[in-house]
Full PDB file with SEQRES, HELIX, SHEET, SSBOND, CRYST1, ORIGX, SCALE, CONECT and MASTER records, all heavy atoms in Angstrom:
SEQRES   1 A   36  LEU GLN MET SER SER LEU THR PRO GLU ASP THR ALA VAL          
SEQRES   2 A   36  TYR TYR CYS MET ALA VAL ALA LEU GLY GLY ARG ARG THR          
SEQRES   3 A   36  TRP GLY GLN GLY THR GLN VAL THR VAL SER                      
HELIX    1 AA1 PRO A    8  ASP A   10  5                                   3    
SHEET    1 AA1 2 ALA A  12  TYR A  14  0                                        
SHEET    2 AA1 2 THR A  31  VAL A  33 -1                                        
SHEET    1 AA2 2 MET A  17  VAL A  19  0                                        
SHEET    2 AA2 2 ARG A  25  TRP A  27 -1                                        
CRYST1    1.000    1.000    1.000  90.00  90.00  90.00 P 1           1          
ORIGX1      1.000000  0.000000  0.000000        0.00000                         
ORIGX2      0.000000  1.000000  0.000000        0.00000                         
ORIGX3      0.000000  0.000000  1.000000        0.00000                         
SCALE1      1.000000  0.000000  0.000000        0.00000                         
SCALE2      0.000000  1.000000  0.000000        0.00000                         
SCALE3      0.000000  0.000000  1.000000        0.00000                         
ATOM      1  N   LEU A   1       0.871  -1.169   0.009  1.00  0.00           N  
ATOM      2  CA  LEU A   1       0.026   0.008  -0.004  1.00  0.00           C  
ATOM      3  C   LEU A   1       0.908   1.255  -0.012  1.00  0.00           C  
ATOM      4  O   LEU A   1       1.542   1.516   1.038  1.00  0.00           O  
ATOM      5  CB  LEU A   1      -0.908   0.015   1.180  1.00  0.00           C  
ATOM      6  CG  LEU A   1      -1.973   1.106   1.209  1.00  0.00           C  
ATOM      7  CD1 LEU A   1      -3.010   0.936   0.073  1.00  0.00           C  
ATOM      8  CD2 LEU A   1      -2.643   1.243   2.560  1.00  0.00           C  
ATOM      9  N   GLN A   2       1.010   1.909  -1.128  1.00  0.00           N  
ATOM     10  CA  GLN A   2       1.763   3.127  -1.252  1.00  0.00           C  
ATOM     11  C   GLN A   2       0.812   4.292  -0.907  1.00  0.00           C  
ATOM     12  O   GLN A   2      -0.194   4.490  -1.577  1.00  0.00           O  
ATOM     13  CB  GLN A   2       2.382   3.255  -2.663  1.00  0.00           C  
ATOM     14  CG  GLN A   2       3.132   4.483  -2.861  1.00  0.00           C  
ATOM     15  CD  GLN A   2       4.436   4.493  -2.066  1.00  0.00           C  
ATOM     16  OE1 GLN A   2       5.207   3.531  -2.107  1.00  0.00           O  
ATOM     17  NE2 GLN A   2       4.703   5.601  -1.396  1.00  0.00           N  
ATOM     18  N   MET A   3       1.231   5.058   0.093  1.00  0.00           N  
ATOM     19  CA  MET A   3       0.411   6.181   0.580  1.00  0.00           C  
ATOM     20  C   MET A   3       1.108   7.479   0.400  1.00  0.00           C  
ATOM     21  O   MET A   3       2.297   7.587   0.748  1.00  0.00           O  
ATOM     22  CB  MET A   3       0.092   6.012   2.029  1.00  0.00           C  
ATOM     23  CG  MET A   3      -0.542   4.591   2.336  1.00  0.00           C  
ATOM     24  SD  MET A   3      -1.054   4.432   4.101  1.00  0.00           S  
ATOM     25  CE  MET A   3       0.531   4.524   4.886  1.00  0.00           C  
ATOM     26  N   SER A   4       0.428   8.449  -0.143  1.00  0.00           N  
ATOM     27  CA  SER A   4       1.042   9.789  -0.332  1.00  0.00           C  
ATOM     28  C   SER A   4       0.028  10.871   0.051  1.00  0.00           C  
ATOM     29  O   SER A   4      -1.130  10.537   0.316  1.00  0.00           O  
ATOM     30  CB  SER A   4       1.502   9.956  -1.824  1.00  0.00           C  
ATOM     31  OG  SER A   4       0.395   9.855  -2.678  1.00  0.00           O  
ATOM     32  N   SER A   5       0.528  12.072   0.130  1.00  0.00           N  
ATOM     33  CA  SER A   5      -0.314  13.235   0.497  1.00  0.00           C  
ATOM     34  C   SER A   5      -1.046  12.896   1.811  1.00  0.00           C  
ATOM     35  O   SER A   5      -2.265  13.169   1.968  1.00  0.00           O  
ATOM     36  CB  SER A   5      -1.308  13.592  -0.581  1.00  0.00           C  
ATOM     37  OG  SER A   5      -0.597  13.919  -1.725  1.00  0.00           O  
ATOM     38  N   LEU A   6      -0.332  12.334   2.776  1.00  0.00           N  
ATOM     39  CA  LEU A   6      -0.947  11.878   4.011  1.00  0.00           C  
ATOM     40  C   LEU A   6      -1.397  13.073   4.900  1.00  0.00           C  
ATOM     41  O   LEU A   6      -0.775  14.125   4.874  1.00  0.00           O  
ATOM     42  CB  LEU A   6       0.036  11.046   4.831  1.00  0.00           C  
ATOM     43  CG  LEU A   6       0.286   9.659   4.218  1.00  0.00           C  
ATOM     44  CD1 LEU A   6       1.517   8.995   4.771  1.00  0.00           C  
ATOM     45  CD2 LEU A   6      -0.961   8.735   4.484  1.00  0.00           C  
ATOM     46  N   THR A   7      -2.474  12.879   5.551  1.00  0.00           N  
ATOM     47  CA  THR A   7      -3.042  13.892   6.446  1.00  0.00           C  
ATOM     48  C   THR A   7      -3.213  13.270   7.850  1.00  0.00           C  
ATOM     49  O   THR A   7      -3.175  12.044   7.996  1.00  0.00           O  
ATOM     50  CB  THR A   7      -4.424  14.380   5.977  1.00  0.00           C  
ATOM     51  OG1 THR A   7      -5.386  13.335   6.161  1.00  0.00           O  
ATOM     52  CG2 THR A   7      -4.408  14.700   4.509  1.00  0.00           C  
ATOM     53  N   PRO A   8      -3.379  14.105   8.885  1.00  0.00           N  
ATOM     54  CA  PRO A   8      -3.582  13.523  10.238  1.00  0.00           C  
ATOM     55  C   PRO A   8      -4.766  12.542  10.331  1.00  0.00           C  
ATOM     56  O   PRO A   8      -4.781  11.638  11.125  1.00  0.00           O  
ATOM     57  CB  PRO A   8      -3.840  14.780  11.050  1.00  0.00           C  
ATOM     58  CG  PRO A   8      -3.064  15.836  10.351  1.00  0.00           C  
ATOM     59  CD  PRO A   8      -3.209  15.533   8.909  1.00  0.00           C  
ATOM     60  N   GLU A   9      -5.779  12.739   9.409  1.00  0.00           N  
ATOM     61  CA  GLU A   9      -6.896  11.827   9.396  1.00  0.00           C  
ATOM     62  C   GLU A   9      -6.553  10.441   8.873  1.00  0.00           C  
ATOM     63  O   GLU A   9      -7.353   9.493   9.054  1.00  0.00           O  
ATOM     64  CB  GLU A   9      -8.018  12.407   8.464  1.00  0.00           C  
ATOM     65  CG  GLU A   9      -8.725  13.648   9.061  1.00  0.00           C  
ATOM     66  CD  GLU A   9      -7.826  14.880   9.128  1.00  0.00           C  
ATOM     67  OE1 GLU A   9      -7.011  15.063   8.192  1.00  0.00           O  
ATOM     68  OE2 GLU A   9      -7.968  15.629  10.101  1.00  0.00           O  
ATOM     69  N   ASP A  10      -5.398  10.255   8.371  1.00  0.00           N  
ATOM     70  CA  ASP A  10      -4.922   8.917   7.954  1.00  0.00           C  
ATOM     71  C   ASP A  10      -4.247   8.123   9.130  1.00  0.00           C  
ATOM     72  O   ASP A  10      -3.900   7.016   8.932  1.00  0.00           O  
ATOM     73  CB  ASP A  10      -3.963   9.027   6.790  1.00  0.00           C  
ATOM     74  CG  ASP A  10      -4.574   9.601   5.547  1.00  0.00           C  
ATOM     75  OD1 ASP A  10      -5.716   9.106   5.160  1.00  0.00           O  
ATOM     76  OD2 ASP A  10      -3.990  10.472   4.907  1.00  0.00           O  
ATOM     77  N   THR A  11      -4.120   8.788  10.236  1.00  0.00           N  
ATOM     78  CA  THR A  11      -3.475   8.133  11.369  1.00  0.00           C  
ATOM     79  C   THR A  11      -4.311   7.001  11.888  1.00  0.00           C  
ATOM     80  O   THR A  11      -5.537   7.172  12.129  1.00  0.00           O  
ATOM     81  CB  THR A  11      -3.289   9.171  12.516  1.00  0.00           C  
ATOM     82  OG1 THR A  11      -2.350  10.155  12.112  1.00  0.00           O  
ATOM     83  CG2 THR A  11      -2.816   8.482  13.800  1.00  0.00           C  
ATOM     84  N   ALA A  12      -3.747   5.838  11.940  1.00  0.00           N  
ATOM     85  CA  ALA A  12      -4.486   4.628  12.363  1.00  0.00           C  
ATOM     86  C   ALA A  12      -3.540   3.455  12.408  1.00  0.00           C  
ATOM     87  O   ALA A  12      -2.352   3.575  11.978  1.00  0.00           O  
ATOM     88  CB  ALA A  12      -5.597   4.311  11.342  1.00  0.00           C  
ATOM     89  N   VAL A  13      -4.027   2.325  12.917  1.00  0.00           N  
ATOM     90  CA  VAL A  13      -3.317   1.089  12.752  1.00  0.00           C  
ATOM     91  C   VAL A  13      -3.809   0.442  11.478  1.00  0.00           C  
ATOM     92  O   VAL A  13      -5.052   0.316  11.298  1.00  0.00           O  
ATOM     93  CB  VAL A  13      -3.587   0.139  13.932  1.00  0.00           C  
ATOM     94  CG1 VAL A  13      -2.866  -1.232  13.681  1.00  0.00           C  
ATOM     95  CG2 VAL A  13      -3.094   0.740  15.248  1.00  0.00           C  
ATOM     96  N   TYR A  14      -2.890   0.134  10.585  1.00  0.00           N  
ATOM     97  CA  TYR A  14      -3.246  -0.457   9.297  1.00  0.00           C  
ATOM     98  C   TYR A  14      -3.053  -1.969   9.329  1.00  0.00           C  
ATOM     99  O   TYR A  14      -1.979  -2.454   9.771  1.00  0.00           O  
ATOM    100  CB  TYR A  14      -2.355   0.191   8.215  1.00  0.00           C  
ATOM    101  CG  TYR A  14      -2.823   1.558   7.860  1.00  0.00           C  
ATOM    102  CD1 TYR A  14      -2.669   2.605   8.732  1.00  0.00           C  
ATOM    103  CD2 TYR A  14      -3.448   1.810   6.629  1.00  0.00           C  
ATOM    104  CE1 TYR A  14      -3.091   3.900   8.438  1.00  0.00           C  
ATOM    105  CE2 TYR A  14      -3.876   3.086   6.304  1.00  0.00           C  
ATOM    106  CZ  TYR A  14      -3.693   4.122   7.207  1.00  0.00           C  
ATOM    107  OH  TYR A  14      -4.116   5.417   6.875  1.00  0.00           O  
ATOM    108  N   TYR A  15      -4.075  -2.670   8.815  1.00  0.00           N  
ATOM    109  CA  TYR A  15      -4.078  -4.153   8.859  1.00  0.00           C  
ATOM    110  C   TYR A  15      -4.164  -4.655   7.442  1.00  0.00           C  
ATOM    111  O   TYR A  15      -4.971  -4.198   6.609  1.00  0.00           O  
ATOM    112  CB  TYR A  15      -5.246  -4.681   9.656  1.00  0.00           C  
ATOM    113  CG  TYR A  15      -5.246  -4.316  11.111  1.00  0.00           C  
ATOM    114  CD1 TYR A  15      -5.896  -3.186  11.588  1.00  0.00           C  
ATOM    115  CD2 TYR A  15      -4.632  -5.158  12.040  1.00  0.00           C  
ATOM    116  CE1 TYR A  15      -5.861  -2.831  12.908  1.00  0.00           C  
ATOM    117  CE2 TYR A  15      -4.652  -4.875  13.420  1.00  0.00           C  
ATOM    118  CZ  TYR A  15      -5.240  -3.703  13.850  1.00  0.00           C  
ATOM    119  OH  TYR A  15      -5.279  -3.411  15.184  1.00  0.00           O  
ATOM    120  N   CYS A  16      -3.372  -5.696   7.201  1.00  0.00           N  
ATOM    121  CA  CYS A  16      -3.465  -6.480   5.961  1.00  0.00           C  
ATOM    122  C   CYS A  16      -4.432  -7.585   6.185  1.00  0.00           C  
ATOM    123  O   CYS A  16      -4.451  -8.202   7.315  1.00  0.00           O  
ATOM    124  CB  CYS A  16      -2.047  -6.978   5.599  1.00  0.00           C  
ATOM    125  SG  CYS A  16      -1.970  -7.936   4.088  1.00  0.00           S  
ATOM    126  N   MET A  17      -5.227  -7.949   5.179  1.00  0.00           N  
ATOM    127  CA  MET A  17      -6.152  -9.046   5.294  1.00  0.00           C  
ATOM    128  C   MET A  17      -6.190  -9.851   3.987  1.00  0.00           C  
ATOM    129  O   MET A  17      -6.193  -9.265   2.910  1.00  0.00           O  
ATOM    130  CB  MET A  17      -7.573  -8.521   5.599  1.00  0.00           C  
ATOM    131  CG  MET A  17      -8.562  -9.609   5.884  1.00  0.00           C  
ATOM    132  SD  MET A  17     -10.283  -9.047   5.771  1.00  0.00           S  
ATOM    133  CE  MET A  17     -10.449  -8.847   4.046  1.00  0.00           C  
ATOM    134  N   ALA A  18      -6.309 -11.145   4.197  1.00  0.00           N  
ATOM    135  CA  ALA A  18      -6.461 -12.090   3.055  1.00  0.00           C  
ATOM    136  C   ALA A  18      -7.835 -12.709   3.128  1.00  0.00           C  
ATOM    137  O   ALA A  18      -8.206 -13.167   4.201  1.00  0.00           O  
ATOM    138  CB  ALA A  18      -5.403 -13.133   3.078  1.00  0.00           C  
ATOM    139  N   VAL A  19      -8.517 -12.725   1.990  1.00  0.00           N  
ATOM    140  CA  VAL A  19      -9.803 -13.443   1.873  1.00  0.00           C  
ATOM    141  C   VAL A  19      -9.611 -14.687   1.043  1.00  0.00           C  
ATOM    142  O   VAL A  19      -9.149 -14.580  -0.131  1.00  0.00           O  
ATOM    143  CB  VAL A  19     -10.867 -12.532   1.265  1.00  0.00           C  
ATOM    144  CG1 VAL A  19     -12.194 -13.305   1.280  1.00  0.00           C  
ATOM    145  CG2 VAL A  19     -10.988 -11.216   2.043  1.00  0.00           C  
ATOM    146  N   ALA A  20      -9.886 -15.807   1.633  1.00  0.00           N  
ATOM    147  CA  ALA A  20      -9.731 -17.064   0.896  1.00  0.00           C  
ATOM    148  C   ALA A  20     -10.909 -17.300  -0.026  1.00  0.00           C  
ATOM    149  O   ALA A  20     -11.983 -16.665   0.120  1.00  0.00           O  
ATOM    150  CB  ALA A  20      -9.642 -18.221   1.929  1.00  0.00           C  
ATOM    151  N   LEU A  21     -10.709 -18.234  -0.896  1.00  0.00           N  
ATOM    152  CA  LEU A  21     -11.827 -18.551  -1.915  1.00  0.00           C  
ATOM    153  C   LEU A  21     -13.064 -18.985  -1.179  1.00  0.00           C  
ATOM    154  O   LEU A  21     -14.175 -18.793  -1.709  1.00  0.00           O  
ATOM    155  CB  LEU A  21     -11.280 -19.675  -2.855  1.00  0.00           C  
ATOM    156  CG  LEU A  21     -10.172 -19.230  -3.780  1.00  0.00           C  
ATOM    157  CD1 LEU A  21      -9.571 -20.421  -4.498  1.00  0.00           C  
ATOM    158  CD2 LEU A  21     -10.670 -18.205  -4.797  1.00  0.00           C  
ATOM    159  N   GLY A  22     -12.924 -19.671  -0.042  1.00  0.00           N  
ATOM    160  CA  GLY A  22     -14.090 -20.074   0.720  1.00  0.00           C  
ATOM    161  C   GLY A  22     -14.692 -19.000   1.630  1.00  0.00           C  
ATOM    162  O   GLY A  22     -15.687 -19.282   2.313  1.00  0.00           O  
ATOM    163  N   GLY A  23     -14.048 -17.848   1.668  1.00  0.00           N  
ATOM    164  CA  GLY A  23     -14.532 -16.708   2.477  1.00  0.00           C  
ATOM    165  C   GLY A  23     -13.824 -16.499   3.786  1.00  0.00           C  
ATOM    166  O   GLY A  23     -14.024 -15.486   4.445  1.00  0.00           O  
ATOM    167  N   ARG A  24     -12.906 -17.384   4.111  1.00  0.00           N  
ATOM    168  CA  ARG A  24     -12.243 -17.198   5.401  1.00  0.00           C  
ATOM    169  C   ARG A  24     -11.326 -16.011   5.328  1.00  0.00           C  
ATOM    170  O   ARG A  24     -10.641 -15.785   4.338  1.00  0.00           O  
ATOM    171  CB  ARG A  24     -11.397 -18.468   5.711  1.00  0.00           C  
ATOM    172  CG  ARG A  24     -10.573 -18.361   6.963  1.00  0.00           C  
ATOM    173  CD  ARG A  24      -9.886 -19.651   7.293  1.00  0.00           C  
ATOM    174  NE  ARG A  24      -9.086 -19.567   8.567  1.00  0.00           N  
ATOM    175  CZ  ARG A  24      -8.538 -20.612   9.136  1.00  0.00           C  
ATOM    176  NH1 ARG A  24      -8.676 -21.799   8.609  1.00  0.00           N  
ATOM    177  NH2 ARG A  24      -7.826 -20.481  10.265  1.00  0.00           N  
ATOM    178  N   ARG A  25     -11.307 -15.197   6.383  1.00  0.00           N  
ATOM    179  CA  ARG A  25     -10.445 -14.032   6.505  1.00  0.00           C  
ATOM    180  C   ARG A  25      -9.342 -14.239   7.460  1.00  0.00           C  
ATOM    181  O   ARG A  25      -9.510 -14.760   8.565  1.00  0.00           O  
ATOM    182  CB  ARG A  25     -11.302 -12.818   6.972  1.00  0.00           C  
ATOM    183  CG  ARG A  25     -12.394 -12.465   5.971  1.00  0.00           C  
ATOM    184  CD  ARG A  25     -13.114 -11.200   6.379  1.00  0.00           C  
ATOM    185  NE  ARG A  25     -14.040 -10.719   5.363  1.00  0.00           N  
ATOM    186  CZ  ARG A  25     -14.474  -9.491   5.261  1.00  0.00           C  
ATOM    187  NH1 ARG A  25     -14.125  -8.604   6.130  1.00  0.00           N  
ATOM    188  NH2 ARG A  25     -15.336  -9.170   4.282  1.00  0.00           N  
ATOM    189  N   THR A  26      -8.119 -13.809   7.026  1.00  0.00           N  
ATOM    190  CA  THR A  26      -6.901 -13.879   7.850  1.00  0.00           C  
ATOM    191  C   THR A  26      -6.364 -12.479   7.994  1.00  0.00           C  
ATOM    192  O   THR A  26      -6.237 -11.764   6.983  1.00  0.00           O  
ATOM    193  CB  THR A  26      -5.892 -14.789   7.260  1.00  0.00           C  
ATOM    194  OG1 THR A  26      -6.454 -16.115   7.095  1.00  0.00           O  
ATOM    195  CG2 THR A  26      -4.674 -14.914   8.144  1.00  0.00           C  
ATOM    196  N   TRP A  27      -6.055 -12.090   9.243  1.00  0.00           N  
ATOM    197  CA  TRP A  27      -5.522 -10.709   9.513  1.00  0.00           C  
ATOM    198  C   TRP A  27      -4.057 -10.753   9.878  1.00  0.00           C  
ATOM    199  O   TRP A  27      -3.572 -11.697  10.534  1.00  0.00           O  
ATOM    200  CB  TRP A  27      -6.293 -10.084  10.650  1.00  0.00           C  
ATOM    201  CG  TRP A  27      -7.717  -9.834  10.321  1.00  0.00           C  
ATOM    202  CD1 TRP A  27      -8.803 -10.682  10.523  1.00  0.00           C  
ATOM    203  CD2 TRP A  27      -8.296  -8.657   9.723  1.00  0.00           C  
ATOM    204  NE1 TRP A  27      -9.986 -10.110  10.116  1.00  0.00           N  
ATOM    205  CE2 TRP A  27      -9.719  -8.838   9.634  1.00  0.00           C  
ATOM    206  CE3 TRP A  27      -7.733  -7.459   9.288  1.00  0.00           C  
ATOM    207  CZ2 TRP A  27     -10.554  -7.899   9.085  1.00  0.00           C  
ATOM    208  CZ3 TRP A  27      -8.585  -6.486   8.706  1.00  0.00           C  
ATOM    209  CH2 TRP A  27      -9.977  -6.724   8.649  1.00  0.00           C  
ATOM    210  N   GLY A  28      -3.344  -9.718   9.531  1.00  0.00           N  
ATOM    211  CA  GLY A  28      -2.026  -9.474  10.061  1.00  0.00           C  
ATOM    212  C   GLY A  28      -2.096  -8.865  11.416  1.00  0.00           C  
ATOM    213  O   GLY A  28      -3.175  -8.575  11.962  1.00  0.00           O  
ATOM    214  N   GLN A  29      -0.943  -8.534  11.983  1.00  0.00           N  
ATOM    215  CA  GLN A  29      -0.871  -8.006  13.343  1.00  0.00           C  
ATOM    216  C   GLN A  29      -1.099  -6.513  13.403  1.00  0.00           C  
ATOM    217  O   GLN A  29      -1.348  -5.979  14.451  1.00  0.00           O  
ATOM    218  CB  GLN A  29       0.442  -8.418  14.007  1.00  0.00           C  
ATOM    219  CG  GLN A  29       1.610  -7.480  13.650  1.00  0.00           C  
ATOM    220  CD  GLN A  29       2.196  -7.686  12.252  1.00  0.00           C  
ATOM    221  OE1 GLN A  29       1.715  -8.587  11.521  1.00  0.00           O  
ATOM    222  NE2 GLN A  29       3.198  -6.971  11.880  1.00  0.00           N  
ATOM    223  N   GLY A  30      -0.977  -5.867  12.231  1.00  0.00           N  
ATOM    224  CA  GLY A  30      -1.174  -4.405  12.169  1.00  0.00           C  
ATOM    225  C   GLY A  30       0.118  -3.672  12.281  1.00  0.00           C  
ATOM    226  O   GLY A  30       1.118  -4.086  12.869  1.00  0.00           O  
ATOM    227  N   THR A  31       0.121  -2.431  11.704  1.00  0.00           N  
ATOM    228  CA  THR A  31       1.269  -1.590  11.791  1.00  0.00           C  
ATOM    229  C   THR A  31       0.787  -0.141  11.945  1.00  0.00           C  
ATOM    230  O   THR A  31      -0.216   0.276  11.277  1.00  0.00           O  
ATOM    231  CB  THR A  31       2.151  -1.692  10.513  1.00  0.00           C  
ATOM    232  OG1 THR A  31       3.324  -0.874  10.676  1.00  0.00           O  
ATOM    233  CG2 THR A  31       1.467  -1.280   9.222  1.00  0.00           C  
ATOM    234  N   GLN A  32       1.368   0.583  12.887  1.00  0.00           N  
ATOM    235  CA  GLN A  32       0.898   1.924  13.225  1.00  0.00           C  
ATOM    236  C   GLN A  32       1.393   2.941  12.191  1.00  0.00           C  
ATOM    237  O   GLN A  32       2.611   2.982  11.880  1.00  0.00           O  
ATOM    238  CB  GLN A  32       1.384   2.331  14.621  1.00  0.00           C  
ATOM    239  CG  GLN A  32       1.048   3.737  15.040  1.00  0.00           C  
ATOM    240  CD  GLN A  32      -0.430   3.914  15.344  1.00  0.00           C  
ATOM    241  OE1 GLN A  32      -1.065   3.123  15.982  1.00  0.00           O  
ATOM    242  NE2 GLN A  32      -1.012   5.007  14.785  1.00  0.00           N  
ATOM    243  N   VAL A  33       0.517   3.785  11.723  1.00  0.00           N  
ATOM    244  CA  VAL A  33       0.835   4.950  10.904  1.00  0.00           C  
ATOM    245  C   VAL A  33       0.350   6.198  11.613  1.00  0.00           C  
ATOM    246  O   VAL A  33      -0.805   6.336  12.008  1.00  0.00           O  
ATOM    247  CB  VAL A  33       0.143   4.835   9.560  1.00  0.00           C  
ATOM    248  CG1 VAL A  33       0.346   6.156   8.781  1.00  0.00           C  
ATOM    249  CG2 VAL A  33       0.672   3.691   8.741  1.00  0.00           C  
ATOM    250  N   THR A  34       1.308   7.130  11.876  1.00  0.00           N  
ATOM    251  CA  THR A  34       0.995   8.338  12.565  1.00  0.00           C  
ATOM    252  C   THR A  34       1.423   9.559  11.693  1.00  0.00           C  
ATOM    253  O   THR A  34       2.586   9.636  11.246  1.00  0.00           O  
ATOM    254  CB  THR A  34       1.699   8.485  13.905  1.00  0.00           C  
ATOM    255  OG1 THR A  34       1.342   7.362  14.744  1.00  0.00           O  
ATOM    256  CG2 THR A  34       1.316   9.753  14.623  1.00  0.00           C  
ATOM    257  N   VAL A  35       0.417  10.407  11.392  1.00  0.00           N  
ATOM    258  CA  VAL A  35       0.694  11.553  10.552  1.00  0.00           C  
ATOM    259  C   VAL A  35       0.608  12.787  11.446  1.00  0.00           C  
ATOM    260  O   VAL A  35      -0.502  13.156  11.926  1.00  0.00           O  
ATOM    261  CB  VAL A  35      -0.247  11.673   9.387  1.00  0.00           C  
ATOM    262  CG1 VAL A  35       0.085  12.871   8.458  1.00  0.00           C  
ATOM    263  CG2 VAL A  35      -0.280  10.355   8.588  1.00  0.00           C  
ATOM    264  N   SER A  36       1.763  13.401  11.680  1.00  0.00           N  
ATOM    265  CA  SER A  36       1.755  14.510  12.627  1.00  0.00           C  
ATOM    266  C   SER A  36       2.978  15.411  12.350  1.00  0.00           C  
ATOM    267  O   SER A  36       4.010  14.909  11.954  1.00  0.00           O  
ATOM    268  CB  SER A  36       1.791  14.005  14.087  1.00  0.00           C  
ATOM    269  OG  SER A  36       1.926  15.097  14.988  1.00  0.00           O  
TER     270      SER A  36                                                      
MASTER        0    0    0    1    4    0    0    6  269    1    0    3          
END                                                                             
């Protein structure tokens, strides 16, 4: 995920997710993005 022109409103924990063919969802542990 390439992010540009970031604003403080983009501050959040960002999570990656995979959706399997059967619908199962798998999440990553998250990574903090702080715009300040």
